[in-house]
Amino acid sequence: MSNFTLYIGNKNNSTWSLRGYLALKHAGVEFDEVLILLRPTIDRKKLDLLTPTGKVPTLKHDEQYIWDSLAIGEYLNDLYPEKSFWPDDISARAHARCVSAEMHSGFVSLRSVMPMACHSQFNTPEVSDDLKKDIERVIDIWMDCRSKYGGKGPFLFGSYSIADMMFAPVVFRFKSYQVKLPEILEEYCDAIVMHPAVQEWLDDADPNDAVEPDDR
């Protein structure tokens, strides 16, 4: 048995679980997965029994619990700095941390109106001012990163990093809800979807765990 265990929700829908999963995959460590059903109803008893906060994802490493996606990425970066979870350049690293933290704490309208369903496709929702602001901000972030670092590789900061893990669920949101993007950002989205760890996630995601656009 691995000394890493990741507690996650349904793979078709759980955005934060995806981020924690991608961090572990990037670390290249073996880990056990424990699925806690979030749909159609939350298995609250199991959540409370297995995780300190009753939320997913939670990473258990020996007797240590880490119960936040960004904290999981940072913890694994501390354990395996040779895996380059962040850009090497200090300025690019600060930039990557800023956009990752912004994704972590913001974009409330985007999260609410466009829930992730990896294998589903919906009509573009009515775009309120708040949703428009969120979508435009994501596009601005991505365009800025790709213009500055695109010569170093296909991801936001050239090489794959925690920033890409944080924005991976947004890629699926934009694809599901058919958000129009500049060609350079379509290419970025394709690079995320084709990443081997993302493909493994998709292979295991049950399309029957669909979410309707008004299902928050």
N, C-alpha and C. Protein backbone atom coordinates (compact mmCIF):
# COMPACT_ATOMS: atom_id res chain seq x y z
N MET A 1 0.84 -1.20 0.00
CA MET A 1 0.00 0.00 0.00
C MET A 1 0.87 1.24 0.00
N SER A 2 0.46 2.25 -0.77
CA SER A 2 1.19 3.51 -0.83
C SER A 2 1.04 4.27 0.48
N ASN A 3 2.04 5.12 0.81
CA ASN A 3 1.88 5.96 2.00
C ASN A 3 1.22 7.30 1.66
N PHE A 4 0.77 7.44 0.40
CA PHE A 4 -0.06 8.58 -0.01
C PHE A 4 -1.47 8.08 -0.32
N THR A 5 -2.47 8.74 0.25
CA THR A 5 -3.86 8.45 -0.09
C THR A 5 -4.55 9.76 -0.42
N LEU A 6 -5.23 9.80 -1.56
CA LEU A 6 -5.96 11.00 -1.97
C LEU A 6 -7.45 10.70 -1.92
N TYR A 7 -8.17 11.47 -1.13
CA TYR A 7 -9.62 11.37 -1.05
C TYR A 7 -10.20 12.37 -2.04
N ILE A 8 -11.01 11.88 -2.97
CA ILE A 8 -11.52 12.71 -4.05
C ILE A 8 -13.02 12.51 -4.23
N GLY A 9 -13.62 13.46 -4.97
CA GLY A 9 -15.02 13.34 -5.36
C GLY A 9 -15.15 12.80 -6.77
N ASN A 10 -16.37 12.79 -7.28
CA ASN A 10 -16.65 12.28 -8.62
C ASN A 10 -15.75 12.97 -9.65
N LYS A 11 -15.10 12.18 -10.49
CA LYS A 11 -14.10 12.75 -11.38
C LYS A 11 -14.69 13.61 -12.50
N ASN A 12 -15.93 13.37 -12.85
CA ASN A 12 -16.51 14.19 -13.91
C ASN A 12 -16.82 15.60 -13.44
N ASN A 13 -16.91 15.80 -12.13
CA ASN A 13 -17.43 17.06 -11.61
C ASN A 13 -16.54 17.78 -10.59
N SER A 14 -15.68 17.07 -9.90
CA SER A 14 -14.98 17.65 -8.76
C SER A 14 -13.72 18.39 -9.20
N THR A 15 -13.84 19.70 -9.33
CA THR A 15 -12.73 20.52 -9.83
C THR A 15 -11.54 20.50 -8.90
N TRP A 16 -11.81 20.63 -7.62
CA TRP A 16 -10.69 20.68 -6.67
C TRP A 16 -9.99 19.34 -6.58
N SER A 17 -10.74 18.25 -6.70
CA SER A 17 -10.12 16.92 -6.70
C SER A 17 -9.18 16.77 -7.89
N LEU A 18 -9.59 17.27 -9.05
CA LEU A 18 -8.74 17.21 -10.23
C LEU A 18 -7.41 17.89 -9.96
N ARG A 19 -7.43 19.05 -9.33
CA ARG A 19 -6.19 19.77 -9.07
C ARG A 19 -5.25 18.98 -8.17
N GLY A 20 -5.80 18.40 -7.10
CA GLY A 20 -4.97 17.60 -6.21
C GLY A 20 -4.41 16.37 -6.89
N TYR A 21 -5.22 15.75 -7.71
CA TYR A 21 -4.80 14.57 -8.47
C TYR A 21 -3.65 14.90 -9.41
N LEU A 22 -3.76 16.03 -10.13
CA LEU A 22 -2.71 16.40 -11.07
C LEU A 22 -1.40 16.69 -10.36
N ALA A 23 -1.48 17.25 -9.15
CA ALA A 23 -0.27 17.51 -8.39
C ALA A 23 0.44 16.21 -8.02
N LEU A 24 -0.32 15.22 -7.59
CA LEU A 24 0.28 13.92 -7.25
C LEU A 24 0.87 13.24 -8.48
N LYS A 25 0.17 13.33 -9.59
CA LYS A 25 0.67 12.74 -10.83
C LYS A 25 1.98 13.42 -11.24
N HIS A 26 2.06 14.73 -11.06
CA HIS A 26 3.27 15.45 -11.43
C HIS A 26 4.44 15.05 -10.52
N ALA A 27 4.13 14.76 -9.26
CA ALA A 27 5.18 14.32 -8.34
C ALA A 27 5.73 12.95 -8.73
N GLY A 28 4.92 12.17 -9.44
CA GLY A 28 5.38 10.86 -9.88
C GLY A 28 5.39 9.82 -8.79
N VAL A 29 4.58 10.01 -7.76
CA VAL A 29 4.53 9.06 -6.64
C VAL A 29 3.32 8.15 -6.79
N GLU A 30 3.44 6.98 -6.23
CA GLU A 30 2.30 6.08 -6.18
C GLU A 30 1.36 6.56 -5.07
N PHE A 31 0.07 6.47 -5.35
CA PHE A 31 -0.90 6.87 -4.33
C PHE A 31 -2.18 6.08 -4.50
N ASP A 32 -2.87 5.91 -3.40
CA ASP A 32 -4.18 5.27 -3.40
C ASP A 32 -5.25 6.34 -3.53
N GLU A 33 -6.33 6.00 -4.21
CA GLU A 33 -7.46 6.90 -4.34
C GLU A 33 -8.64 6.34 -3.56
N VAL A 34 -9.32 7.22 -2.85
CA VAL A 34 -10.57 6.86 -2.19
C VAL A 34 -11.64 7.80 -2.72
N LEU A 35 -12.62 7.27 -3.43
CA LEU A 35 -13.69 8.06 -4.01
C LEU A 35 -14.82 8.23 -3.00
N ILE A 36 -15.20 9.49 -2.79
CA ILE A 36 -16.33 9.80 -1.94
C ILE A 36 -17.40 10.44 -2.81
N LEU A 37 -18.54 9.81 -2.94
CA LEU A 37 -19.57 10.28 -3.85
C LEU A 37 -20.11 11.65 -3.43
N LEU A 38 -20.11 12.56 -4.39
CA LEU A 38 -20.69 13.89 -4.18
C LEU A 38 -22.05 14.02 -4.86
N ARG A 39 -22.33 13.10 -5.80
CA ARG A 39 -23.58 13.14 -6.55
C ARG A 39 -24.14 11.72 -6.64
N PRO A 40 -25.45 11.57 -6.61
CA PRO A 40 -26.48 12.62 -6.54
C PRO A 40 -26.59 13.27 -5.17
N THR A 41 -26.09 12.60 -4.13
CA THR A 41 -26.04 13.21 -2.81
C THR A 41 -24.65 12.98 -2.23
N ILE A 42 -24.24 13.85 -1.33
CA ILE A 42 -22.92 13.74 -0.72
C ILE A 42 -22.95 12.66 0.35
N ASP A 43 -21.92 11.80 0.31
CA ASP A 43 -21.76 10.79 1.36
C ASP A 43 -21.10 11.48 2.56
N ARG A 44 -21.92 12.24 3.29
CA ARG A 44 -21.40 13.07 4.38
C ARG A 44 -20.74 12.27 5.48
N LYS A 45 -21.30 11.13 5.81
CA LYS A 45 -20.73 10.32 6.88
C LYS A 45 -19.32 9.86 6.53
N LYS A 46 -19.14 9.43 5.29
CA LYS A 46 -17.82 8.98 4.86
C LYS A 46 -16.83 10.14 4.81
N LEU A 47 -17.29 11.29 4.32
CA LEU A 47 -16.43 12.47 4.27
C LEU A 47 -15.94 12.84 5.66
N ASP A 48 -16.85 12.93 6.60
CA ASP A 48 -16.48 13.36 7.94
C ASP A 48 -15.60 12.34 8.64
N LEU A 49 -15.76 11.09 8.29
CA LEU A 49 -14.96 10.04 8.90
C LEU A 49 -13.52 10.05 8.40
N LEU A 50 -13.34 10.37 7.11
CA LEU A 50 -12.03 10.20 6.49
C LEU A 50 -11.22 11.48 6.34
N THR A 51 -11.87 12.64 6.40
CA THR A 51 -11.16 13.90 6.17
C THR A 51 -11.38 14.86 7.32
N PRO A 52 -10.37 15.67 7.66
CA PRO A 52 -10.50 16.57 8.81
C PRO A 52 -11.58 17.63 8.65
N THR A 53 -11.80 18.10 7.44
CA THR A 53 -12.75 19.21 7.22
C THR A 53 -14.04 18.77 6.57
N GLY A 54 -14.16 17.50 6.23
CA GLY A 54 -15.35 17.03 5.53
C GLY A 54 -15.41 17.51 4.11
N LYS A 55 -14.23 17.71 3.49
CA LYS A 55 -14.17 18.19 2.11
C LYS A 55 -13.13 17.40 1.33
N VAL A 56 -13.29 17.42 0.00
CA VAL A 56 -12.29 16.84 -0.88
C VAL A 56 -11.73 17.94 -1.78
N PRO A 57 -10.48 17.77 -2.23
CA PRO A 57 -9.62 16.64 -1.94
C PRO A 57 -8.93 16.80 -0.59
N THR A 58 -8.58 15.68 -0.02
CA THR A 58 -7.69 15.64 1.14
C THR A 58 -6.60 14.62 0.83
N LEU A 59 -5.36 15.03 1.05
CA LEU A 59 -4.23 14.12 0.89
C LEU A 59 -3.77 13.66 2.26
N LYS A 60 -3.64 12.35 2.43
CA LYS A 60 -3.07 11.78 3.65
C LYS A 60 -1.71 11.20 3.30
N HIS A 61 -0.68 11.67 3.96
CA HIS A 61 0.68 11.19 3.75
C HIS A 61 1.19 10.71 5.10
N ASP A 62 1.28 9.40 5.24
CA ASP A 62 1.54 8.80 6.55
C ASP A 62 0.47 9.32 7.52
N GLU A 63 0.86 10.09 8.54
CA GLU A 63 -0.13 10.61 9.48
C GLU A 63 -0.46 12.08 9.24
N GLN A 64 0.07 12.66 8.17
CA GLN A 64 -0.14 14.07 7.84
C GLN A 64 -1.34 14.22 6.91
N TYR A 65 -2.22 15.18 7.20
CA TYR A 65 -3.34 15.49 6.33
C TYR A 65 -3.13 16.86 5.70
N ILE A 66 -3.39 16.96 4.40
CA ILE A 66 -3.37 18.23 3.68
C ILE A 66 -4.71 18.32 2.95
N TRP A 67 -5.53 19.33 3.28
CA TRP A 67 -6.93 19.33 2.83
C TRP A 67 -7.27 20.51 1.92
N ASP A 68 -6.34 20.95 1.14
CA ASP A 68 -6.58 22.03 0.19
C ASP A 68 -5.76 21.77 -1.06
N SER A 69 -6.34 22.00 -2.24
CA SER A 69 -5.67 21.66 -3.50
C SER A 69 -4.35 22.40 -3.67
N LEU A 70 -4.35 23.71 -3.43
CA LEU A 70 -3.13 24.48 -3.60
C LEU A 70 -2.09 24.08 -2.56
N ALA A 71 -2.55 23.80 -1.34
CA ALA A 71 -1.63 23.34 -0.30
C ALA A 71 -1.04 21.97 -0.65
N ILE A 72 -1.82 21.12 -1.30
CA ILE A 72 -1.30 19.82 -1.74
C ILE A 72 -0.17 20.03 -2.74
N GLY A 73 -0.39 20.93 -3.71
CA GLY A 73 0.66 21.22 -4.67
C GLY A 73 1.91 21.76 -4.01
N GLU A 74 1.76 22.69 -3.07
CA GLU A 74 2.91 23.25 -2.38
C GLU A 74 3.62 22.21 -1.52
N TYR A 75 2.86 21.35 -0.87
CA TYR A 75 3.45 20.29 -0.05
C TYR A 75 4.30 19.34 -0.90
N LEU A 76 3.76 18.95 -2.04
CA LEU A 76 4.51 18.06 -2.92
C LEU A 76 5.71 18.76 -3.53
N ASN A 77 5.59 20.05 -3.77
CA ASN A 77 6.74 20.82 -4.24
C ASN A 77 7.84 20.84 -3.19
N ASP A 78 7.46 20.94 -1.92
CA ASP A 78 8.46 20.89 -0.84
C ASP A 78 9.13 19.52 -0.77
N LEU A 79 8.33 18.47 -0.98
CA LEU A 79 8.87 17.12 -0.90
C LEU A 79 9.74 16.78 -2.12
N TYR A 80 9.33 17.27 -3.29
CA TYR A 80 9.99 16.89 -4.54
C TYR A 80 10.32 18.14 -5.37
N PRO A 81 11.21 19.00 -4.87
CA PRO A 81 11.53 20.24 -5.60
C PRO A 81 12.13 19.98 -6.97
N GLU A 82 12.72 18.82 -7.16
CA GLU A 82 13.31 18.48 -8.46
C GLU A 82 12.25 18.29 -9.54
N LYS A 83 10.98 18.19 -9.16
CA LYS A 83 9.90 18.00 -10.13
C LYS A 83 9.44 19.31 -10.76
N SER A 84 9.96 20.43 -10.27
CA SER A 84 9.67 21.75 -10.87
C SER A 84 8.16 22.03 -10.94
N PHE A 85 7.55 22.15 -9.79
CA PHE A 85 6.13 22.50 -9.73
C PHE A 85 5.89 23.95 -10.10
N TRP A 86 6.92 24.80 -9.93
CA TRP A 86 6.84 26.21 -10.27
C TRP A 86 7.95 26.56 -11.26
N PRO A 87 7.81 27.67 -11.98
CA PRO A 87 8.89 28.10 -12.87
C PRO A 87 10.18 28.35 -12.09
N ASP A 88 11.31 28.13 -12.74
CA ASP A 88 12.61 28.35 -12.09
C ASP A 88 12.90 29.82 -11.85
N ASP A 89 12.55 30.66 -12.81
CA ASP A 89 12.82 32.09 -12.70
C ASP A 89 11.96 32.71 -11.59
N ILE A 90 12.57 33.52 -10.74
CA ILE A 90 11.87 34.04 -9.58
C ILE A 90 10.70 34.95 -9.97
N SER A 91 10.86 35.74 -11.04
CA SER A 91 9.77 36.62 -11.47
C SER A 91 8.61 35.81 -12.04
N ALA A 92 8.93 34.83 -12.87
CA ALA A 92 7.89 33.97 -13.43
C ALA A 92 7.22 33.16 -12.32
N ARG A 93 8.00 32.75 -11.32
CA ARG A 93 7.44 31.98 -10.21
C ARG A 93 6.46 32.83 -9.41
N ALA A 94 6.82 34.09 -9.16
CA ALA A 94 5.90 34.99 -8.45
C ALA A 94 4.62 35.19 -9.26
N HIS A 95 4.77 35.35 -10.57
CA HIS A 95 3.62 35.52 -11.46
C HIS A 95 2.72 34.28 -11.39
N ALA A 96 3.33 33.10 -11.47
CA ALA A 96 2.57 31.85 -11.43
C ALA A 96 1.82 31.69 -10.12
N ARG A 97 2.47 32.07 -9.04
CA ARG A 97 1.81 31.96 -7.73
C ARG A 97 0.64 32.95 -7.63
N CYS A 98 0.81 34.13 -8.20
CA CYS A 98 -0.28 35.11 -8.17
C CYS A 98 -1.51 34.61 -8.91
N VAL A 99 -1.33 34.12 -10.13
CA VAL A 99 -2.51 33.70 -10.89
C VAL A 99 -3.12 32.43 -10.30
N SER A 100 -2.29 31.58 -9.70
CA SER A 100 -2.82 30.38 -9.05
C SER A 100 -3.65 30.75 -7.84
N ALA A 101 -3.16 31.70 -7.04
CA ALA A 101 -3.91 32.15 -5.86
C ALA A 101 -5.19 32.86 -6.28
N GLU A 102 -5.13 33.63 -7.38
CA GLU A 102 -6.33 34.31 -7.87
C GLU A 102 -7.39 33.30 -8.29
N MET A 103 -6.96 32.23 -8.96
CA MET A 103 -7.91 31.19 -9.35
C MET A 103 -8.47 30.50 -8.11
N HIS A 104 -7.64 30.30 -7.13
CA HIS A 104 -8.01 29.59 -5.92
C HIS A 104 -9.10 30.34 -5.15
N SER A 105 -9.03 31.66 -5.16
CA SER A 105 -9.90 32.43 -4.28
C SER A 105 -11.01 33.21 -4.98
N GLY A 106 -10.97 33.28 -6.31
CA GLY A 106 -11.92 34.13 -7.01
C GLY A 106 -12.82 33.41 -7.98
N PHE A 107 -13.34 34.17 -8.95
CA PHE A 107 -14.15 33.65 -10.05
C PHE A 107 -15.42 32.96 -9.56
N VAL A 108 -16.11 33.63 -8.64
CA VAL A 108 -17.31 33.05 -8.02
C VAL A 108 -18.41 32.81 -9.05
N SER A 109 -18.62 33.77 -9.94
CA SER A 109 -19.69 33.63 -10.93
C SER A 109 -19.39 32.49 -11.90
N LEU A 110 -18.16 32.40 -12.34
CA LEU A 110 -17.76 31.32 -13.24
C LEU A 110 -18.00 29.96 -12.60
N ARG A 111 -17.64 29.82 -11.35
CA ARG A 111 -17.83 28.55 -10.64
C ARG A 111 -19.32 28.21 -10.53
N SER A 112 -20.12 29.23 -10.26
CA SER A 112 -21.55 29.01 -9.99
C SER A 112 -22.34 28.70 -11.26
N VAL A 113 -22.11 29.49 -12.29
CA VAL A 113 -22.93 29.39 -13.50
C VAL A 113 -22.45 28.30 -14.45
N MET A 114 -21.15 27.99 -14.40
CA MET A 114 -20.59 27.02 -15.34
C MET A 114 -19.87 25.90 -14.60
N PRO A 115 -20.61 25.06 -13.85
CA PRO A 115 -19.98 23.96 -13.14
C PRO A 115 -19.31 22.98 -14.11
N MET A 116 -18.23 22.35 -13.64
CA MET A 116 -17.48 21.44 -14.50
C MET A 116 -18.22 20.12 -14.70
N ALA A 117 -18.24 19.66 -15.93
CA ALA A 117 -18.71 18.32 -16.27
C ALA A 117 -17.85 17.88 -17.45
N CYS A 118 -16.78 17.17 -17.17
CA CYS A 118 -15.73 16.92 -18.16
C CYS A 118 -16.25 16.36 -19.47
N HIS A 119 -17.22 15.45 -19.39
CA HIS A 119 -17.68 14.74 -20.58
C HIS A 119 -18.97 15.31 -21.17
N SER A 120 -19.42 16.46 -20.67
CA SER A 120 -20.69 17.02 -21.13
C SER A 120 -20.48 18.28 -21.95
N GLN A 121 -21.49 18.62 -22.74
CA GLN A 121 -21.48 19.87 -23.50
C GLN A 121 -22.84 20.53 -23.39
N PHE A 122 -22.81 21.85 -23.14
CA PHE A 122 -24.03 22.61 -22.94
C PHE A 122 -24.03 23.83 -23.84
N ASN A 123 -25.19 24.44 -23.97
CA ASN A 123 -25.25 25.73 -24.62
C ASN A 123 -24.56 26.77 -23.74
N THR A 124 -24.01 27.79 -24.37
CA THR A 124 -23.40 28.86 -23.61
C THR A 124 -24.46 29.53 -22.75
N PRO A 125 -24.22 29.68 -21.45
CA PRO A 125 -25.24 30.27 -20.57
C PRO A 125 -25.40 31.76 -20.84
N GLU A 126 -26.48 32.31 -20.31
CA GLU A 126 -26.65 33.76 -20.37
C GLU A 126 -25.50 34.41 -19.62
N VAL A 127 -24.85 35.36 -20.27
CA VAL A 127 -23.63 35.93 -19.70
C VAL A 127 -23.97 37.22 -18.96
N SER A 128 -24.03 37.11 -17.65
CA SER A 128 -24.25 38.28 -16.80
C SER A 128 -22.97 39.12 -16.77
N ASP A 129 -23.07 40.30 -16.21
CA ASP A 129 -21.88 41.15 -16.09
C ASP A 129 -20.79 40.48 -15.27
N ASP A 130 -21.19 39.81 -14.19
CA ASP A 130 -20.20 39.15 -13.34
C ASP A 130 -19.53 37.99 -14.07
N LEU A 131 -20.32 37.20 -14.79
CA LEU A 131 -19.74 36.08 -15.53
C LEU A 131 -18.84 36.60 -16.65
N LYS A 132 -19.26 37.63 -17.34
CA LYS A 132 -18.44 38.22 -18.39
C LYS A 132 -17.09 38.69 -17.84
N LYS A 133 -17.14 39.32 -16.68
CA LYS A 133 -15.91 39.80 -16.04
C LYS A 133 -14.98 38.64 -15.72
N ASP A 134 -15.54 37.54 -15.20
CA ASP A 134 -14.72 36.37 -14.86
C ASP A 134 -14.09 35.76 -16.11
N ILE A 135 -14.90 35.58 -17.16
CA ILE A 135 -14.38 34.98 -18.39
C ILE A 135 -13.29 35.86 -18.99
N GLU A 136 -13.54 37.14 -19.04
CA GLU A 136 -12.55 38.06 -19.61
C GLU A 136 -11.26 38.08 -18.79
N ARG A 137 -11.40 37.96 -17.48
CA ARG A 137 -10.19 37.94 -16.64
C ARG A 137 -9.37 36.68 -16.89
N VAL A 138 -10.02 35.53 -17.01
CA VAL A 138 -9.29 34.30 -17.33
C VAL A 138 -8.56 34.45 -18.66
N ILE A 139 -9.26 34.97 -19.66
CA ILE A 139 -8.64 35.16 -20.97
C ILE A 139 -7.45 36.10 -20.88
N ASP A 140 -7.59 37.18 -20.11
CA ASP A 140 -6.47 38.12 -19.94
C ASP A 140 -5.27 37.44 -19.29
N ILE A 141 -5.53 36.64 -18.26
CA ILE A 141 -4.44 35.92 -17.59
C ILE A 141 -3.73 34.99 -18.56
N TRP A 142 -4.52 34.20 -19.27
CA TRP A 142 -3.93 33.23 -20.20
C TRP A 142 -3.16 33.93 -21.32
N MET A 143 -3.72 34.98 -21.88
CA MET A 143 -3.05 35.69 -22.97
C MET A 143 -1.75 36.30 -22.49
N ASP A 144 -1.78 36.89 -21.31
CA ASP A 144 -0.57 37.49 -20.75
C ASP A 144 0.52 36.45 -20.55
N CYS A 145 0.15 35.32 -19.97
CA CYS A 145 1.14 34.25 -19.73
C CYS A 145 1.68 33.68 -21.04
N ARG A 146 0.79 33.42 -21.97
CA ARG A 146 1.25 32.81 -23.23
C ARG A 146 2.10 33.79 -24.04
N SER A 147 1.80 35.08 -23.96
CA SER A 147 2.62 36.05 -24.69
C SER A 147 4.01 36.18 -24.08
N LYS A 148 4.10 36.04 -22.76
CA LYS A 148 5.39 36.20 -22.09
C LYS A 148 6.23 34.92 -22.10
N TYR A 149 5.59 33.77 -22.00
CA TYR A 149 6.32 32.53 -21.77
C TYR A 149 6.07 31.46 -22.84
N GLY A 150 5.27 31.80 -23.85
CA GLY A 150 4.89 30.80 -24.85
C GLY A 150 6.06 30.21 -25.61
N GLY A 151 7.16 30.96 -25.71
CA GLY A 151 8.32 30.44 -26.42
C GLY A 151 9.02 29.30 -25.70
N LYS A 152 8.65 29.08 -24.43
CA LYS A 152 9.31 28.05 -23.62
C LYS A 152 8.53 26.75 -23.56
N GLY A 153 7.34 26.71 -24.18
CA GLY A 153 6.53 25.50 -24.14
C GLY A 153 5.06 25.82 -24.27
N PRO A 154 4.19 24.80 -24.26
CA PRO A 154 2.78 24.99 -24.58
C PRO A 154 1.90 25.42 -23.41
N PHE A 155 2.48 25.51 -22.20
CA PHE A 155 1.66 25.78 -21.02
C PHE A 155 1.77 27.24 -20.60
N LEU A 156 1.09 27.63 -19.55
CA LEU A 156 1.00 29.04 -19.19
C LEU A 156 2.37 29.67 -18.98
N PHE A 157 3.26 28.94 -18.35
CA PHE A 157 4.61 29.45 -18.10
C PHE A 157 5.65 28.64 -18.88
N GLY A 158 5.22 28.15 -20.02
CA GLY A 158 6.11 27.33 -20.84
C GLY A 158 6.02 25.89 -20.41
N SER A 159 6.72 25.57 -19.33
CA SER A 159 6.66 24.22 -18.77
C SER A 159 5.42 24.08 -17.88
N TYR A 160 4.93 22.88 -17.78
CA TYR A 160 3.77 22.55 -16.95
C TYR A 160 4.04 22.89 -15.50
N SER A 161 3.06 23.49 -14.83
CA SER A 161 3.26 23.93 -13.45
C SER A 161 1.95 23.87 -12.68
N ILE A 162 2.01 24.23 -11.39
CA ILE A 162 0.82 24.29 -10.57
C ILE A 162 -0.22 25.23 -11.18
N ALA A 163 0.23 26.27 -11.85
CA ALA A 163 -0.72 27.20 -12.48
C ALA A 163 -1.62 26.48 -13.47
N ASP A 164 -1.06 25.56 -14.23
CA ASP A 164 -1.88 24.78 -15.19
C ASP A 164 -2.82 23.84 -14.46
N MET A 165 -2.36 23.28 -13.35
CA MET A 165 -3.24 22.42 -12.56
C MET A 165 -4.43 23.21 -12.04
N MET A 166 -4.18 24.44 -11.61
CA MET A 166 -5.25 25.26 -11.06
C MET A 166 -6.27 25.65 -12.12
N PHE A 167 -5.81 25.87 -13.35
CA PHE A 167 -6.72 26.31 -14.40
C PHE A 167 -7.29 25.16 -15.24
N ALA A 168 -6.84 23.94 -15.01
CA ALA A 168 -7.35 22.81 -15.81
C ALA A 168 -8.87 22.69 -15.77
N PRO A 169 -9.52 22.83 -14.59
CA PRO A 169 -10.99 22.75 -14.60
C PRO A 169 -11.66 23.85 -15.42
N VAL A 170 -11.01 25.01 -15.51
CA VAL A 170 -11.57 26.10 -16.32
C VAL A 170 -11.54 25.73 -17.79
N VAL A 171 -10.48 25.02 -18.19
CA VAL A 171 -10.42 24.53 -19.57
C VAL A 171 -11.65 23.69 -19.88
N PHE A 172 -12.00 22.78 -18.98
CA PHE A 172 -13.18 21.94 -19.21
C PHE A 172 -14.47 22.75 -19.18
N ARG A 173 -14.53 23.73 -18.31
CA ARG A 173 -15.70 24.61 -18.29
C ARG A 173 -15.86 25.32 -19.63
N PHE A 174 -14.79 25.89 -20.13
CA PHE A 174 -14.87 26.62 -21.39
C PHE A 174 -15.24 25.70 -22.54
N LYS A 175 -14.72 24.48 -22.52
CA LYS A 175 -15.06 23.54 -23.59
C LYS A 175 -16.51 23.09 -23.48
N SER A 176 -16.97 22.80 -22.27
CA SER A 176 -18.34 22.33 -22.09
C SER A 176 -19.37 23.38 -22.49
N TYR A 177 -19.06 24.64 -22.17
CA TYR A 177 -20.02 25.72 -22.41
C TYR A 177 -19.70 26.51 -23.67
N GLN A 178 -18.78 25.97 -24.48
CA GLN A 178 -18.48 26.49 -25.81
C GLN A 178 -18.11 27.98 -25.79
N VAL A 179 -17.24 28.33 -24.87
CA VAL A 179 -16.74 29.70 -24.79
C VAL A 179 -15.74 29.92 -25.92
N LYS A 180 -15.94 30.96 -26.70
CA LYS A 180 -15.06 31.25 -27.83
C LYS A 180 -13.75 31.85 -27.33
N LEU A 181 -12.65 31.31 -27.82
CA LEU A 181 -11.32 31.75 -27.39
C LEU A 181 -10.45 32.05 -28.59
N PRO A 182 -9.46 32.93 -28.43
CA PRO A 182 -8.48 33.13 -29.50
C PRO A 182 -7.76 31.81 -29.79
N GLU A 183 -7.26 31.68 -31.00
CA GLU A 183 -6.63 30.42 -31.42
C GLU A 183 -5.51 30.01 -30.49
N ILE A 184 -4.70 30.97 -30.04
CA ILE A 184 -3.57 30.63 -29.17
C ILE A 184 -4.05 30.01 -27.86
N LEU A 185 -5.23 30.41 -27.40
CA LEU A 185 -5.76 29.85 -26.16
C LEU A 185 -6.47 28.52 -26.40
N GLU A 186 -7.04 28.34 -27.58
CA GLU A 186 -7.56 27.02 -27.95
C GLU A 186 -6.41 26.01 -27.94
N GLU A 187 -5.26 26.42 -28.43
CA GLU A 187 -4.09 25.54 -28.44
C GLU A 187 -3.66 25.22 -27.01
N TYR A 188 -3.73 26.21 -26.14
CA TYR A 188 -3.40 25.96 -24.74
C TYR A 188 -4.38 24.96 -24.13
N CYS A 189 -5.67 25.16 -24.37
CA CYS A 189 -6.67 24.23 -23.85
C CYS A 189 -6.43 22.80 -24.36
N ASP A 190 -6.08 22.68 -25.62
CA ASP A 190 -5.80 21.36 -26.18
C ASP A 190 -4.59 20.73 -25.50
N ALA A 191 -3.58 21.55 -25.19
CA ALA A 191 -2.39 21.02 -24.50
C ALA A 191 -2.75 20.49 -23.12
N ILE A 192 -3.65 21.19 -22.43
CA ILE A 192 -4.09 20.71 -21.12
C ILE A 192 -4.85 19.40 -21.25
N VAL A 193 -5.81 19.35 -22.16
CA VAL A 193 -6.64 18.15 -22.31
C VAL A 193 -5.78 16.94 -22.70
N MET A 194 -4.77 17.15 -23.51
CA MET A 194 -3.94 16.04 -23.98
C MET A 194 -2.82 15.67 -23.01
N HIS A 195 -2.68 16.40 -21.93
CA HIS A 195 -1.66 16.04 -20.94
C HIS A 195 -1.95 14.63 -20.43
N PRO A 196 -0.94 13.76 -20.32
CA PRO A 196 -1.18 12.37 -19.94
C PRO A 196 -1.96 12.20 -18.64
N ALA A 197 -1.67 13.03 -17.63
CA ALA A 197 -2.39 12.89 -16.36
C ALA A 197 -3.85 13.29 -16.51
N VAL A 198 -4.13 14.29 -17.32
CA VAL A 198 -5.52 14.69 -17.56
C VAL A 198 -6.26 13.60 -18.33
N GLN A 199 -5.58 12.99 -19.29
CA GLN A 199 -6.20 11.90 -20.03
C GLN A 199 -6.54 10.72 -19.12
N GLU A 200 -5.68 10.43 -18.15
CA GLU A 200 -5.97 9.36 -17.20
C GLU A 200 -7.21 9.72 -16.38
N TRP A 201 -7.30 10.96 -15.96
CA TRP A 201 -8.47 11.42 -15.21
C TRP A 201 -9.74 11.25 -16.04
N LEU A 202 -9.68 11.67 -17.29
CA LEU A 202 -10.85 11.58 -18.16
C LEU A 202 -11.26 10.13 -18.39
N ASP A 203 -10.29 9.25 -18.52
CA ASP A 203 -10.60 7.84 -18.74
C ASP A 203 -11.40 7.27 -17.58
N ASP A 204 -11.15 7.78 -16.36
CA ASP A 204 -11.83 7.27 -15.18
C ASP A 204 -13.10 8.05 -14.83
N ALA A 205 -13.31 9.18 -15.49
CA ALA A 205 -14.48 10.01 -15.17
C ALA A 205 -15.73 9.41 -15.79
N ASP A 206 -16.74 9.22 -14.98
CA ASP A 206 -17.98 8.60 -15.44
C ASP A 206 -18.88 9.65 -16.09
N PRO A 207 -19.15 9.53 -17.40
CA PRO A 207 -20.02 10.51 -18.06
C PRO A 207 -21.42 10.58 -17.46
N ASN A 208 -21.82 9.51 -16.78
CA ASN A 208 -23.16 9.50 -16.15
C ASN A 208 -23.24 10.41 -14.94
N ASP A 209 -22.07 10.83 -14.42
CA ASP A 209 -22.06 11.81 -13.34
C ASP A 209 -22.18 13.20 -13.94
N ALA A 210 -23.17 13.39 -14.76
CA ALA A 210 -23.34 14.67 -15.46
C ALA A 210 -23.91 15.71 -14.51
N VAL A 211 -23.69 16.95 -14.87
CA VAL A 211 -24.23 18.04 -14.10
C VAL A 211 -25.01 18.94 -15.06
N GLU A 212 -26.18 19.32 -14.65
CA GLU A 212 -26.97 20.22 -15.47
C GLU A 212 -26.50 21.65 -15.23
N PRO A 213 -26.67 22.54 -16.19
CA PRO A 213 -26.19 23.92 -16.03
C PRO A 213 -26.74 24.63 -14.80
N ASP A 214 -27.94 24.27 -14.35
CA ASP A 214 -28.50 24.93 -13.19
C ASP A 214 -28.28 24.12 -11.91
N ASP A 215 -27.45 23.10 -11.98
CA ASP A 215 -27.14 22.26 -10.84
C ASP A 215 -25.86 22.79 -10.19
N ARG A 216 -25.97 23.49 -9.12
CA ARG A 216 -24.81 24.13 -8.50
C ARG A 216 -24.15 23.23 -7.47
